[in-house]
């Protein structure tokens, strides 16, 4: 999943939390994400289609008098997206800490062996 898709998905998870279906305009999504990246409406359509193909959301495009809207509902995979991403960050952090710990132990062990066999 690319960064634009992650940003859109995290926004949708925050907005659609606890609701079956949520009606949202593409401009709302683009303005909410505008601080981190710039999305055009055509790019947003592609991102929404990709999220639907990856089984995160169901969406239908609905026409209104102010333009068109997305009727979005989160699938099971979409509902757990925020928790899964937090778990991935935690796992990555633990992996980095473990690697640093093992590198430190190896370094100290190497120094001890060098001191023993040098004399």
PDB file of N, CA and C in Angstrom:
ATOM      1  N   UNK A   1       0.843  -1.172   0.000  1.00  0.00           N
ATOM      2  CA  UNK A   1       0.000   0.000   0.000  1.00  0.00           C
ATOM      3  C   UNK A   1       0.891   1.238   0.000  1.00  0.00           C
ATOM      4  N   UNK A   2       0.607   2.165  -0.883  1.00  0.00           N
ATOM      5  CA  UNK A   2       1.403   3.375  -1.005  1.00  0.00           C
ATOM      6  C   UNK A   2       0.985   4.413   0.036  1.00  0.00           C
ATOM      7  N   UNK A   3       1.778   5.469   0.148  1.00  0.00           N
ATOM      8  CA  UNK A   3       1.539   6.449   1.207  1.00  0.00           C
ATOM      9  C   UNK A   3       0.217   7.198   1.016  1.00  0.00           C
ATOM     10  N   UNK A   4      -0.139   7.517  -0.229  1.00  0.00           N
ATOM     11  CA  UNK A   4      -1.416   8.215  -0.452  1.00  0.00           C
ATOM     12  C   UNK A   4      -2.588   7.334  -0.049  1.00  0.00           C
ATOM     13  N   UNK A   5      -2.476   6.057  -0.354  1.00  0.00           N
ATOM     14  CA  UNK A   5      -3.543   5.130   0.023  1.00  0.00           C
ATOM     15  C   UNK A   5      -3.628   4.990   1.538  1.00  0.00           C
ATOM     16  N   UNK A   6      -2.490   4.965   2.206  1.00  0.00           N
ATOM     17  CA  UNK A   6      -2.497   4.890   3.667  1.00  0.00           C
ATOM     18  C   UNK A   6      -3.132   6.125   4.293  1.00  0.00           C
ATOM     19  N   UNK A   7      -2.809   7.300   3.732  1.00  0.00           N
ATOM     20  CA  UNK A   7      -3.393   8.536   4.255  1.00  0.00           C
ATOM     21  C   UNK A   7      -4.907   8.561   4.072  1.00  0.00           C
ATOM     22  N   UNK A   8      -5.363   8.178   2.888  1.00  0.00           N
ATOM     23  CA  UNK A   8      -6.803   8.166   2.623  1.00  0.00           C
ATOM     24  C   UNK A   8      -7.484   7.141   3.518  1.00  0.00           C
ATOM     25  N   UNK A   9      -6.875   5.975   3.653  1.00  0.00           N
ATOM     26  CA  UNK A   9      -7.491   4.922   4.465  1.00  0.00           C
ATOM     27  C   UNK A   9      -7.553   5.314   5.931  1.00  0.00           C
ATOM     28  N   UNK A  10      -6.510   5.937   6.455  1.00  0.00           N
ATOM     29  CA  UNK A  10      -6.557   6.350   7.862  1.00  0.00           C
ATOM     30  C   UNK A  10      -7.601   7.447   8.074  1.00  0.00           C
ATOM     31  N   UNK A  11      -7.742   8.352   7.102  1.00  0.00           N
ATOM     32  CA  UNK A  11      -8.790   9.373   7.213  1.00  0.00           C
ATOM     33  C   UNK A  11     -10.173   8.732   7.186  1.00  0.00           C
ATOM     34  N   UNK A  12     -10.372   7.787   6.277  1.00  0.00           N
ATOM     35  CA  UNK A  12     -11.675   7.117   6.191  1.00  0.00           C
ATOM     36  C   UNK A  12     -11.980   6.329   7.460  1.00  0.00           C
ATOM     37  N   UNK A  13     -10.970   5.719   8.058  1.00  0.00           N
ATOM     38  CA  UNK A  13     -11.187   4.983   9.310  1.00  0.00           C
ATOM     39  C   UNK A  13     -11.622   5.913  10.433  1.00  0.00           C
ATOM     40  N   UNK A  14     -11.025   7.108  10.473  1.00  0.00           N
ATOM     41  CA  UNK A  14     -11.395   8.061  11.516  1.00  0.00           C
ATOM     42  C   UNK A  14     -12.802   8.609  11.305  1.00  0.00           C
ATOM     43  N   UNK A  15     -13.162   8.864  10.045  1.00  0.00           N
ATOM     44  CA  UNK A  15     -14.461   9.457   9.744  1.00  0.00           C
ATOM     45  C   UNK A  15     -15.584   8.427   9.824  1.00  0.00           C
ATOM     46  N   UNK A  16     -15.352   7.249   9.295  1.00  0.00           N
ATOM     47  CA  UNK A  16     -16.400   6.230   9.195  1.00  0.00           C
ATOM     48  C   UNK A  16     -16.474   5.327  10.411  1.00  0.00           C
ATOM     49  N   UNK A  17     -15.771   5.639  11.457  1.00  0.00           N
ATOM     50  CA  UNK A  17     -15.711   4.782  12.627  1.00  0.00           C
ATOM     51  C   UNK A  17     -17.102   4.574  13.230  1.00  0.00           C
ATOM     52  N   UNK A  18     -17.540   3.328  13.289  1.00  0.00           N
ATOM     53  CA  UNK A  18     -18.808   2.987  13.913  1.00  0.00           C
ATOM     54  C   UNK A  18     -20.039   3.200  13.056  1.00  0.00           C
ATOM     55  N   UNK A  19     -19.890   3.608  11.828  1.00  0.00           N
ATOM     56  CA  UNK A  19     -21.041   3.833  10.961  1.00  0.00           C
ATOM     57  C   UNK A  19     -21.047   2.792   9.857  1.00  0.00           C
ATOM     58  N   UNK A  20     -22.242   2.416   9.453  1.00  0.00           N
ATOM     59  CA  UNK A  20     -22.361   1.450   8.358  1.00  0.00           C
ATOM     60  C   UNK A  20     -21.896   2.072   7.050  1.00  0.00           C
ATOM     61  N   UNK A  21     -22.496   3.180   6.670  1.00  0.00           N
ATOM     62  CA  UNK A  21     -22.161   3.855   5.418  1.00  0.00           C
ATOM     63  C   UNK A  21     -22.010   5.340   5.709  1.00  0.00           C
ATOM     64  N   UNK A  22     -21.022   5.944   5.068  1.00  0.00           N
ATOM     65  CA  UNK A  22     -20.759   7.357   5.293  1.00  0.00           C
ATOM     66  C   UNK A  22     -20.689   8.052   3.946  1.00  0.00           C
ATOM     67  N   UNK A  23     -21.338   9.190   3.841  1.00  0.00           N
ATOM     68  CA  UNK A  23     -21.356   9.985   2.617  1.00  0.00           C
ATOM     69  C   UNK A  23     -20.315  11.094   2.752  1.00  0.00           C
ATOM     70  N   UNK A  24     -19.346  11.104   1.833  1.00  0.00           N
ATOM     71  CA  UNK A  24     -18.252  12.068   1.922  1.00  0.00           C
ATOM     72  C   UNK A  24     -17.881  12.540   0.525  1.00  0.00           C
ATOM     73  N   UNK A  25     -17.527  13.810   0.422  1.00  0.00           N
ATOM     74  CA  UNK A  25     -17.147  14.351  -0.884  1.00  0.00           C
ATOM     75  C   UNK A  25     -15.647  14.180  -1.097  1.00  0.00           C
ATOM     76  N   UNK A  26     -15.219  14.077  -2.351  1.00  0.00           N
ATOM     77  CA  UNK A  26     -13.792  13.977  -2.636  1.00  0.00           C
ATOM     78  C   UNK A  26     -13.019  15.209  -2.159  1.00  0.00           C
ATOM     79  N   UNK A  27     -13.660  16.356  -2.180  1.00  0.00           N
ATOM     80  CA  UNK A  27     -12.997  17.582  -1.725  1.00  0.00           C
ATOM     81  C   UNK A  27     -12.711  17.536  -0.222  1.00  0.00           C
ATOM     82  N   UNK A  28     -13.602  16.913   0.553  1.00  0.00           N
ATOM     83  CA  UNK A  28     -13.360  16.766   1.994  1.00  0.00           C
ATOM     84  C   UNK A  28     -12.122  15.910   2.251  1.00  0.00           C
ATOM     85  N   UNK A  29     -12.017  14.820   1.514  1.00  0.00           N
ATOM     86  CA  UNK A  29     -10.866  13.929   1.674  1.00  0.00           C
ATOM     87  C   UNK A  29      -9.585  14.654   1.267  1.00  0.00           C
ATOM     88  N   UNK A  30      -9.627  15.316   0.117  1.00  0.00           N
ATOM     89  CA  UNK A  30      -8.438  16.011  -0.388  1.00  0.00           C
ATOM     90  C   UNK A  30      -7.999  17.129   0.561  1.00  0.00           C
ATOM     91  N   UNK A  31      -8.963  17.861   1.120  1.00  0.00           N
ATOM     92  CA  UNK A  31      -8.592  18.954   2.031  1.00  0.00           C
ATOM     93  C   UNK A  31      -8.059  18.423   3.354  1.00  0.00           C
ATOM     94  N   UNK A  32      -8.564  17.281   3.808  1.00  0.00           N
ATOM     95  CA  UNK A  32      -8.076  16.710   5.060  1.00  0.00           C
ATOM     96  C   UNK A  32      -6.654  16.175   4.916  1.00  0.00           C
ATOM     97  N   UNK A  33      -6.310  15.712   3.732  1.00  0.00           N
ATOM     98  CA  UNK A  33      -4.993  15.124   3.502  1.00  0.00           C
ATOM     99  C   UNK A  33      -4.005  16.158   2.969  1.00  0.00           C
ATOM    100  N   UNK A  34      -4.476  17.339   2.628  1.00  0.00           N
ATOM    101  CA  UNK A  34      -3.645  18.336   1.950  1.00  0.00           C
ATOM    102  C   UNK A  34      -2.405  18.748   2.751  1.00  0.00           C
ATOM    103  N   UNK A  35      -2.399  18.570   4.059  1.00  0.00           N
ATOM    104  CA  UNK A  35      -1.235  18.936   4.865  1.00  0.00           C
ATOM    105  C   UNK A  35      -0.061  17.993   4.621  1.00  0.00           C
ATOM    106  N   UNK A  36      -0.365  16.752   4.257  1.00  0.00           N
ATOM    107  CA  UNK A  36       0.691  15.760   4.081  1.00  0.00           C
ATOM    108  C   UNK A  36       1.019  15.488   2.622  1.00  0.00           C
ATOM    109  N   UNK A  37       0.034  15.541   1.749  1.00  0.00           N
ATOM    110  CA  UNK A  37       0.285  15.363   0.313  1.00  0.00           C
ATOM    111  C   UNK A  37      -0.865  15.988  -0.475  1.00  0.00           C
ATOM    112  N   UNK A  38      -0.612  16.248  -1.738  1.00  0.00           N
ATOM    113  CA  UNK A  38      -1.609  16.881  -2.600  1.00  0.00           C
ATOM    114  C   UNK A  38      -2.233  15.802  -3.482  1.00  0.00           C
ATOM    115  N   UNK A  39      -3.552  15.741  -3.457  1.00  0.00           N
ATOM    116  CA  UNK A  39      -4.284  14.761  -4.252  1.00  0.00           C
ATOM    117  C   UNK A  39      -5.277  15.474  -5.157  1.00  0.00           C
ATOM    118  N   UNK A  40      -5.252  15.145  -6.417  1.00  0.00           N
ATOM    119  CA  UNK A  40      -6.282  15.659  -7.313  1.00  0.00           C
ATOM    120  C   UNK A  40      -7.480  14.723  -7.231  1.00  0.00           C
ATOM    121  N   UNK A  41      -8.590  15.147  -7.796  1.00  0.00           N
ATOM    122  CA  UNK A  41      -9.802  14.338  -7.739  1.00  0.00           C
ATOM    123  C   UNK A  41      -9.623  13.056  -8.545  1.00  0.00           C
ATOM    124  N   UNK A  42      -8.922  13.119  -9.669  1.00  0.00           N
ATOM    125  CA  UNK A  42      -8.703  11.911 -10.470  1.00  0.00           C
ATOM    126  C   UNK A  42      -7.789  10.923  -9.733  1.00  0.00           C
ATOM    127  N   UNK A  43      -6.768  11.442  -9.035  1.00  0.00           N
ATOM    128  CA  UNK A  43      -5.916  10.567  -8.234  1.00  0.00           C
ATOM    129  C   UNK A  43      -6.708   9.938  -7.096  1.00  0.00           C
ATOM    130  N   UNK A  44      -7.606  10.709  -6.520  1.00  0.00           N
ATOM    131  CA  UNK A  44      -8.425  10.206  -5.431  1.00  0.00           C
ATOM    132  C   UNK A  44      -9.346   9.094  -5.916  1.00  0.00           C
ATOM    133  N   UNK A  45      -9.880   9.232  -7.122  1.00  0.00           N
ATOM    134  CA  UNK A  45     -10.702   8.168  -7.702  1.00  0.00           C
ATOM    135  C   UNK A  45      -9.893   6.877  -7.849  1.00  0.00           C
ATOM    136  N   UNK A  46      -8.644   7.006  -8.293  1.00  0.00           N
ATOM    137  CA  UNK A  46      -7.775   5.835  -8.435  1.00  0.00           C
ATOM    138  C   UNK A  46      -7.466   5.207  -7.080  1.00  0.00           C
ATOM    139  N   UNK A  47      -7.206   6.041  -6.086  1.00  0.00           N
ATOM    140  CA  UNK A  47      -6.902   5.545  -4.745  1.00  0.00           C
ATOM    141  C   UNK A  47      -8.114   4.812  -4.171  1.00  0.00           C
ATOM    142  N   UNK A  48      -9.284   5.385  -4.340  1.00  0.00           N
ATOM    143  CA  UNK A  48     -10.501   4.732  -3.839  1.00  0.00           C
ATOM    144  C   UNK A  48     -10.737   3.394  -4.537  1.00  0.00           C
ATOM    145  N   UNK A  49     -10.503   3.343  -5.834  1.00  0.00           N
ATOM    146  CA  UNK A  49     -10.655   2.090  -6.574  1.00  0.00           C
ATOM    147  C   UNK A  49      -9.647   1.045  -6.097  1.00  0.00           C
ATOM    148  N   UNK A  50      -8.429   1.480  -5.843  1.00  0.00           N
ATOM    149  CA  UNK A  50      -7.396   0.560  -5.348  1.00  0.00           C
ATOM    150  C   UNK A  50      -7.762   0.024  -3.970  1.00  0.00           C
ATOM    151  N   UNK A  51      -8.259   0.893  -3.101  1.00  0.00           N
ATOM    152  CA  UNK A  51      -8.665   0.446  -1.766  1.00  0.00           C
ATOM    153  C   UNK A  51      -9.825  -0.540  -1.844  1.00  0.00           C
ATOM    154  N   UNK A  52     -10.719  -0.330  -2.802  1.00  0.00           N
ATOM    155  CA  UNK A  52     -11.826  -1.261  -2.987  1.00  0.00           C
ATOM    156  C   UNK A  52     -11.317  -2.605  -3.510  1.00  0.00           C
ATOM    157  N   UNK A  53     -10.353  -2.569  -4.418  1.00  0.00           N
ATOM    158  CA  UNK A  53      -9.788  -3.806  -4.962  1.00  0.00           C
ATOM    159  C   UNK A  53      -8.996  -4.581  -3.905  1.00  0.00           C
ATOM    160  N   UNK A  54      -8.367  -3.857  -2.993  1.00  0.00           N
ATOM    161  CA  UNK A  54      -7.598  -4.499  -1.928  1.00  0.00           C
ATOM    162  C   UNK A  54      -8.481  -4.927  -0.757  1.00  0.00           C
ATOM    163  N   UNK A  55      -9.779  -4.774  -0.902  1.00  0.00           N
ATOM    164  CA  UNK A  55     -10.771  -5.275   0.059  1.00  0.00           C
ATOM    165  C   UNK A  55     -10.776  -4.497   1.377  1.00  0.00           C
ATOM    166  N   UNK A  56     -10.472  -3.205   1.320  1.00  0.00           N
ATOM    167  CA  UNK A  56     -10.556  -2.354   2.504  1.00  0.00           C
ATOM    168  C   UNK A  56     -11.915  -1.678   2.619  1.00  0.00           C
ATOM    169  N   UNK A  57     -12.465  -1.236   1.487  1.00  0.00           N
ATOM    170  CA  UNK A  57     -13.722  -0.488   1.507  1.00  0.00           C
ATOM    171  C   UNK A  57     -14.645  -0.955   0.392  1.00  0.00           C
ATOM    172  N   UNK A  58     -15.901  -0.608   0.553  1.00  0.00           N
ATOM    173  CA  UNK A  58     -16.889  -0.633  -0.523  1.00  0.00           C
ATOM    174  C   UNK A  58     -17.294   0.816  -0.725  1.00  0.00           C
ATOM    175  N   UNK A  59     -17.354   1.253  -1.974  1.00  0.00           N
ATOM    176  CA  UNK A  59     -17.808   2.608  -2.206  1.00  0.00           C
ATOM    177  C   UNK A  59     -18.600   2.683  -3.493  1.00  0.00           C
ATOM    178  N   UNK A  60     -19.516   3.622  -3.496  1.00  0.00           N
ATOM    179  CA  UNK A  60     -20.343   3.901  -4.657  1.00  0.00           C
ATOM    180  C   UNK A  60     -20.292   5.406  -4.882  1.00  0.00           C
ATOM    181  N   UNK A  61     -20.176   5.804  -6.134  1.00  0.00           N
ATOM    182  CA  UNK A  61     -20.173   7.227  -6.459  1.00  0.00           C
ATOM    183  C   UNK A  61     -21.617   7.670  -6.625  1.00  0.00           C
ATOM    184  N   UNK A  62     -21.973   8.735  -5.923  1.00  0.00           N
ATOM    185  CA  UNK A  62     -23.334   9.252  -5.933  1.00  0.00           C
ATOM    186  C   UNK A  62     -23.316  10.708  -6.381  1.00  0.00           C
ATOM    187  N   UNK A  63     -24.183  11.044  -7.316  1.00  0.00           N
ATOM    188  CA  UNK A  63     -24.273  12.429  -7.791  1.00  0.00           C
ATOM    189  C   UNK A  63     -25.202  13.233  -6.900  1.00  0.00           C
ATOM    190  N   UNK A  64     -24.802  14.475  -6.648  1.00  0.00           N
ATOM    191  CA  UNK A  64     -25.622  15.393  -5.874  1.00  0.00           C
ATOM    192  C   UNK A  64     -25.625  16.750  -6.550  1.00  0.00           C
ATOM    193  N   UNK A  65     -26.362  17.690  -5.991  1.00  0.00           N
ATOM    194  CA  UNK A  65     -26.405  19.004  -6.621  1.00  0.00           C
ATOM    195  C   UNK A  65     -25.110  19.788  -6.427  1.00  0.00           C
ATOM    196  N   UNK A  66     -24.304  19.425  -5.415  1.00  0.00           N
ATOM    197  CA  UNK A  66     -23.026  20.094  -5.179  1.00  0.00           C
ATOM    198  C   UNK A  66     -21.852  19.335  -5.790  1.00  0.00           C
ATOM    199  N   UNK A  67     -22.102  18.371  -6.628  1.00  0.00           N
ATOM    200  CA  UNK A  67     -21.042  17.555  -7.213  1.00  0.00           C
ATOM    201  C   UNK A  67     -21.298  16.102  -6.895  1.00  0.00           C
ATOM    202  N   UNK A  68     -20.247  15.301  -6.925  1.00  0.00           N
ATOM    203  CA  UNK A  68     -20.466  13.903  -6.602  1.00  0.00           C
ATOM    204  C   UNK A  68     -19.847  13.566  -5.256  1.00  0.00           C
ATOM    205  N   UNK A  69     -20.361  12.517  -4.659  1.00  0.00           N
ATOM    206  CA  UNK A  69     -19.966  12.066  -3.333  1.00  0.00           C
ATOM    207  C   UNK A  69     -19.648  10.585  -3.383  1.00  0.00           C
ATOM    208  N   UNK A  70     -18.891  10.143  -2.380  1.00  0.00           N
ATOM    209  CA  UNK A  70     -18.646   8.720  -2.201  1.00  0.00           C
ATOM    210  C   UNK A  70     -19.521   8.224  -1.060  1.00  0.00           C
ATOM    211  N   UNK A  71     -20.209   7.124  -1.290  1.00  0.00           N
ATOM    212  CA  UNK A  71     -20.881   6.412  -0.210  1.00  0.00           C
ATOM    213  C   UNK A  71     -19.921   5.300   0.203  1.00  0.00           C
ATOM    214  N   UNK A  72     -19.259   5.467   1.339  1.00  0.00           N
ATOM    215  CA  UNK A  72     -18.183   4.573   1.749  1.00  0.00           C
ATOM    216  C   UNK A  72     -18.627   3.731   2.928  1.00  0.00           C
ATOM    217  N   UNK A  73     -18.336   2.442   2.854  1.00  0.00           N
ATOM    218  CA  UNK A  73     -18.487   1.568   4.010  1.00  0.00           C
ATOM    219  C   UNK A  73     -17.209   0.751   4.150  1.00  0.00           C
ATOM    220  N   UNK A  74     -16.756   0.620   5.372  1.00  0.00           N
ATOM    221  CA  UNK A  74     -15.518  -0.108   5.647  1.00  0.00           C
ATOM    222  C   UNK A  74     -15.795  -1.602   5.696  1.00  0.00           C
ATOM    223  N   UNK A  75     -14.933  -2.363   5.067  1.00  0.00           N
ATOM    224  CA  UNK A  75     -14.999  -3.813   5.185  1.00  0.00           C
ATOM    225  C   UNK A  75     -14.228  -4.232   6.432  1.00  0.00           C
ATOM    226  N   UNK A  76     -14.224  -5.505   6.723  1.00  0.00           N
ATOM    227  CA  UNK A  76     -13.554  -6.018   7.924  1.00  0.00           C
ATOM    228  C   UNK A  76     -12.079  -5.620   7.947  1.00  0.00           C
ATOM    229  N   UNK A  77     -11.405  -5.751   6.811  1.00  0.00           N
ATOM    230  CA  UNK A  77      -9.994  -5.389   6.716  1.00  0.00           C
ATOM    231  C   UNK A  77      -9.797  -3.885   6.917  1.00  0.00           C
ATOM    232  N   UNK A  78     -10.748  -3.085   6.476  1.00  0.00           N
ATOM    233  CA  UNK A  78     -10.674  -1.646   6.643  1.00  0.00           C
ATOM    234  C   UNK A  78     -10.931  -1.208   8.073  1.00  0.00           C
ATOM    235  N   UNK A  79     -11.784  -1.937   8.772  1.00  0.00           N
ATOM    236  CA  UNK A  79     -12.096  -1.590  10.158  1.00  0.00           C
ATOM    237  C   UNK A  79     -10.897  -1.816  11.079  1.00  0.00           C
ATOM    238  N   UNK A  80     -10.056  -2.766  10.734  1.00  0.00           N
ATOM    239  CA  UNK A  80      -8.891  -3.066  11.572  1.00  0.00           C
ATOM    240  C   UNK A  80      -7.623  -2.409  11.048  1.00  0.00           C
ATOM    241  N   UNK A  81      -7.737  -1.524  10.069  1.00  0.00           N
ATOM    242  CA  UNK A  81      -6.563  -0.912   9.438  1.00  0.00           C
ATOM    243  C   UNK A  81      -5.697  -0.143  10.431  1.00  0.00           C
ATOM    244  N   UNK A  82      -6.304   0.697  11.260  1.00  0.00           N
ATOM    245  CA  UNK A  82      -5.531   1.502  12.209  1.00  0.00           C
ATOM    246  C   UNK A  82      -4.811   0.627  13.234  1.00  0.00           C
ATOM    247  N   UNK A  83      -5.499  -0.400  13.732  1.00  0.00           N
ATOM    248  CA  UNK A  83      -4.871  -1.302  14.692  1.00  0.00           C
ATOM    249  C   UNK A  83      -3.743  -2.091  14.047  1.00  0.00           C
ATOM    250  N   UNK A  84      -3.952  -2.524  12.803  1.00  0.00           N
ATOM    251  CA  UNK A  84      -2.914  -3.279  12.097  1.00  0.00           C
ATOM    252  C   UNK A  84      -1.684  -2.420  11.839  1.00  0.00           C
ATOM    253  N   UNK A  85      -1.890  -1.160  11.468  1.00  0.00           N
ATOM    254  CA  UNK A  85      -0.742  -0.291  11.209  1.00  0.00           C
ATOM    255  C   UNK A  85       0.009   0.026  12.505  1.00  0.00           C
ATOM    256  N   UNK A  86      -0.701   0.186  13.618  1.00  0.00           N
ATOM    257  CA  UNK A  86      -0.033   0.386  14.910  1.00  0.00           C
ATOM    258  C   UNK A  86       0.782  -0.847  15.283  1.00  0.00           C
ATOM    259  N   UNK A  87       0.220  -2.014  15.035  1.00  0.00           N
ATOM    260  CA  UNK A  87       0.920  -3.263  15.349  1.00  0.00           C
ATOM    261  C   UNK A  87       2.164  -3.422  14.486  1.00  0.00           C
ATOM    262  N   UNK A  88       2.086  -3.034  13.222  1.00  0.00           N
ATOM    263  CA  UNK A  88       3.244  -3.112  12.337  1.00  0.00           C
ATOM    264  C   UNK A  88       4.354  -2.168  12.807  1.00  0.00           C
ATOM    265  N   UNK A  89       3.987  -0.961  13.231  1.00  0.00           N
ATOM    266  CA  UNK A  89       4.982  -0.015  13.743  1.00  0.00           C
ATOM    267  C   UNK A  89       5.634  -0.551  15.014  1.00  0.00           C
ATOM    268  N   UNK A  90       4.832  -1.158  15.885  1.00  0.00           N
ATOM    269  CA  UNK A  90       5.353  -1.712  17.128  1.00  0.00           C
ATOM    270  C   UNK A  90       6.303  -2.868  16.823  1.00  0.00           C
ATOM    271  N   UNK A  91       5.927  -3.726  15.895  1.00  0.00           N
ATOM    272  CA  UNK A  91       6.767  -4.856  15.514  1.00  0.00           C
ATOM    273  C   UNK A  91       8.079  -4.384  14.910  1.00  0.00           C
ATOM    274  N   UNK A  92       8.024  -3.368  14.064  1.00  0.00           N
ATOM    275  CA  UNK A  92       9.236  -2.813  13.463  1.00  0.00           C
ATOM    276  C   UNK A  92      10.148  -2.210  14.526  1.00  0.00           C
ATOM    277  N   UNK A  93       9.573  -1.488  15.473  1.00  0.00           N
ATOM    278  CA  UNK A  93      10.362  -0.907  16.562  1.00  0.00           C
ATOM    279  C   UNK A  93      11.041  -1.978  17.398  1.00  0.00           C
ATOM    280  N   UNK A  94      10.322  -3.045  17.712  1.00  0.00           N
ATOM    281  CA  UNK A  94      10.912  -4.135  18.491  1.00  0.00           C
ATOM    282  C   UNK A  94      12.014  -4.842  17.705  1.00  0.00           C
ATOM    283  N   UNK A  95      11.829  -4.973  16.407  1.00  0.00           N
ATOM    284  CA  UNK A  95      12.853  -5.594  15.560  1.00  0.00           C
ATOM    285  C   UNK A  95      14.123  -4.750  15.539  1.00  0.00           C
ATOM    286  N   UNK A  96      13.971  -3.447  15.454  1.00  0.00           N
ATOM    287  CA  UNK A  96      15.132  -2.549  15.471  1.00  0.00           C
ATOM    288  C   UNK A  96      15.835  -2.608  16.821  1.00  0.00           C
ATOM    289  N   UNK A  97      15.059  -2.583  17.909  1.00  0.00           N
ATOM    290  CA  UNK A  97      15.665  -2.669  19.248  1.00  0.00           C
ATOM    291  C   UNK A  97      16.396  -3.987  19.450  1.00  0.00           C
ATOM    292  N   UNK A  98      15.812  -5.072  18.986  1.00  0.00           N
ATOM    293  CA  UNK A  98      16.457  -6.379  19.110  1.00  0.00           C
ATOM    294  C   UNK A  98      17.762  -6.413  18.321  1.00  0.00           C
ATOM    295  N   UNK A  99      17.736  -5.846  17.118  1.00  0.00           N
ATOM    296  CA  UNK A  99      18.948  -5.814  16.297  1.00  0.00           C
ATOM    297  C   UNK A  99      20.045  -4.999  16.965  1.00  0.00           C
ATOM    298  N   UNK A 100      19.680  -3.844  17.526  1.00  0.00           N
ATOM    299  CA  UNK A 100      20.662  -3.031  18.243  1.00  0.00           C
ATOM    300  C   UNK A 100      21.228  -3.759  19.455  1.00  0.00           C
ATOM    301  N   UNK A 101      20.382  -4.445  20.174  1.00  0.00           N
ATOM    302  CA  UNK A 101      20.815  -5.204  21.344  1.00  0.00           C
ATOM    303  C   UNK A 101      21.791  -6.303  20.941  1.00  0.00           C
ATOM    304  N   UNK A 102      21.448  -7.049  19.897  1.00  0.00           N
ATOM    305  CA  UNK A 102      22.324  -8.128  19.443  1.00  0.00           C
ATOM    306  C   UNK A 102      23.648  -7.592  18.894  1.00  0.00           C
ATOM    307  N   UNK A 103      23.622  -6.442  18.222  1.00  0.00           N
ATOM    308  CA  UNK A 103      24.853  -5.843  17.723  1.00  0.00           C
ATOM    309  C   UNK A 103      25.744  -5.409  18.879  1.00  0.00           C
ATOM    310  N   UNK A 104      25.144  -4.864  19.922  1.00  0.00           N
ATOM    311  CA  UNK A 104      25.912  -4.443  21.099  1.00  0.00           C
ATOM    312  C   UNK A 104      26.529  -5.650  21.801  1.00  0.00           C
ATOM    313  N   UNK A 105      25.756  -6.701  21.957  1.00  0.00           N
ATOM    314  CA  UNK A 105      26.261  -7.931  22.585  1.00  0.00           C
ATOM    315  C   UNK A 105      27.407  -8.508  21.763  1.00  0.00           C
ATOM    316  N   UNK A 106      27.270  -8.526  20.453  1.00  0.00           N
ATOM    317  CA  UNK A 106      28.330  -9.044  19.576  1.00  0.00           C
ATOM    318  C   UNK A 106      29.599  -8.217  19.703  1.00  0.00           C
ATOM    319  N   UNK A 107      29.435  -6.912  19.759  1.00  0.00           N
ATOM    320  CA  UNK A 107      30.596  -6.027  19.893  1.00  0.00           C
ATOM    321  C   UNK A 107      31.328  -6.283  21.202  1.00  0.00           C
ATOM    322  N   UNK A 108      30.582  -6.349  22.298  1.00  0.00           N
ATOM    323  CA  UNK A 108      31.186  -6.586  23.616  1.00  0.00           C
ATOM    324  C   UNK A 108      31.849  -7.961  23.649  1.00  0.00           C
ATOM    325  N   UNK A 109      31.195  -8.961  23.111  1.00  0.00           N
ATOM    326  CA  UNK A 109      31.754 -10.313  23.072  1.00  0.00           C
ATOM    327  C   UNK A 109      33.038 -10.337  22.243  1.00  0.00           C
ATOM    328  N   UNK A 110      33.057  -9.601  21.143  1.00  0.00           N
ATOM    329  CA  UNK A 110      34.261  -9.502  20.313  1.00  0.00           C
ATOM    330  C   UNK A 110      35.397  -8.843  21.064  1.00  0.00           C
ATOM    331  N   UNK A 111      35.098  -7.792  21.816  1.00  0.00           N
ATOM    332  CA  UNK A 111      36.139  -7.141  22.627  1.00  0.00           C
ATOM    333  C   UNK A 111      36.698  -8.082  23.684  1.00  0.00           C
ATOM    334  N   UNK A 112      35.832  -8.863  24.303  1.00  0.00           N
ATOM    335  CA  UNK A 112      36.281  -9.807  25.320  1.00  0.00           C
ATOM    336  C   UNK A 112      37.176 -10.881  24.697  1.00  0.00           C
ATOM    337  N   UNK A 113      36.765 -11.414  23.562  1.00  0.00           N
ATOM    338  CA  UNK A 113      37.575 -12.441  22.891  1.00  0.00           C
ATOM    339  C   UNK A 113      38.915 -11.879  22.432  1.00  0.00           C
ATOM    340  N   UNK A 114      38.927 -10.651  21.938  1.00  0.00           N
ATOM    341  CA  UNK A 114      40.168 -10.019  21.519  1.00  0.00           C
ATOM    342  C   UNK A 114      41.111  -9.848  22.716  1.00  0.00           C
ATOM    343  N   UNK A 115      40.556  -9.460  23.859  1.00  0.00           N
ATOM    344  CA  UNK A 115      41.375  -9.280  25.060  1.00  0.00           C
ATOM    345  C   UNK A 115      41.941 -10.622  25.543  1.00  0.00           C
ATOM    346  N   UNK A 116      41.159 -11.668  25.437  1.00  0.00           N
ATOM    347  CA  UNK A 116      41.607 -12.996  25.890  1.00  0.00           C
ATOM    348  C   UNK A 116      42.716 -13.524  24.982  1.00  0.00           C
ATOM    349  N   UNK A 117      42.508 -13.461  23.666  1.00  0.00           N
ATOM    350  CA  UNK A 117      43.463 -14.086  22.745  1.00  0.00           C
ATOM    351  C   UNK A 117      44.617 -13.176  22.357  1.00  0.00           C
ATOM    352  N   UNK A 118      44.586 -11.934  22.736  1.00  0.00           N
ATOM    353  CA  UNK A 118      45.690 -11.026  22.431  1.00  0.00           C
ATOM    354  C   UNK A 118      46.898 -11.311  23.285  1.00  0.00           C
ATOM    355  N   UNK A 119      46.660 -11.715  24.519  1.00  0.00           N
ATOM    356  CA  UNK A 119      47.788 -11.949  25.411  1.00  0.00           C
ATOM    357  C   UNK A 119      48.337 -13.347  25.318  1.00  0.00           C
TER     358      UNK A 119
END
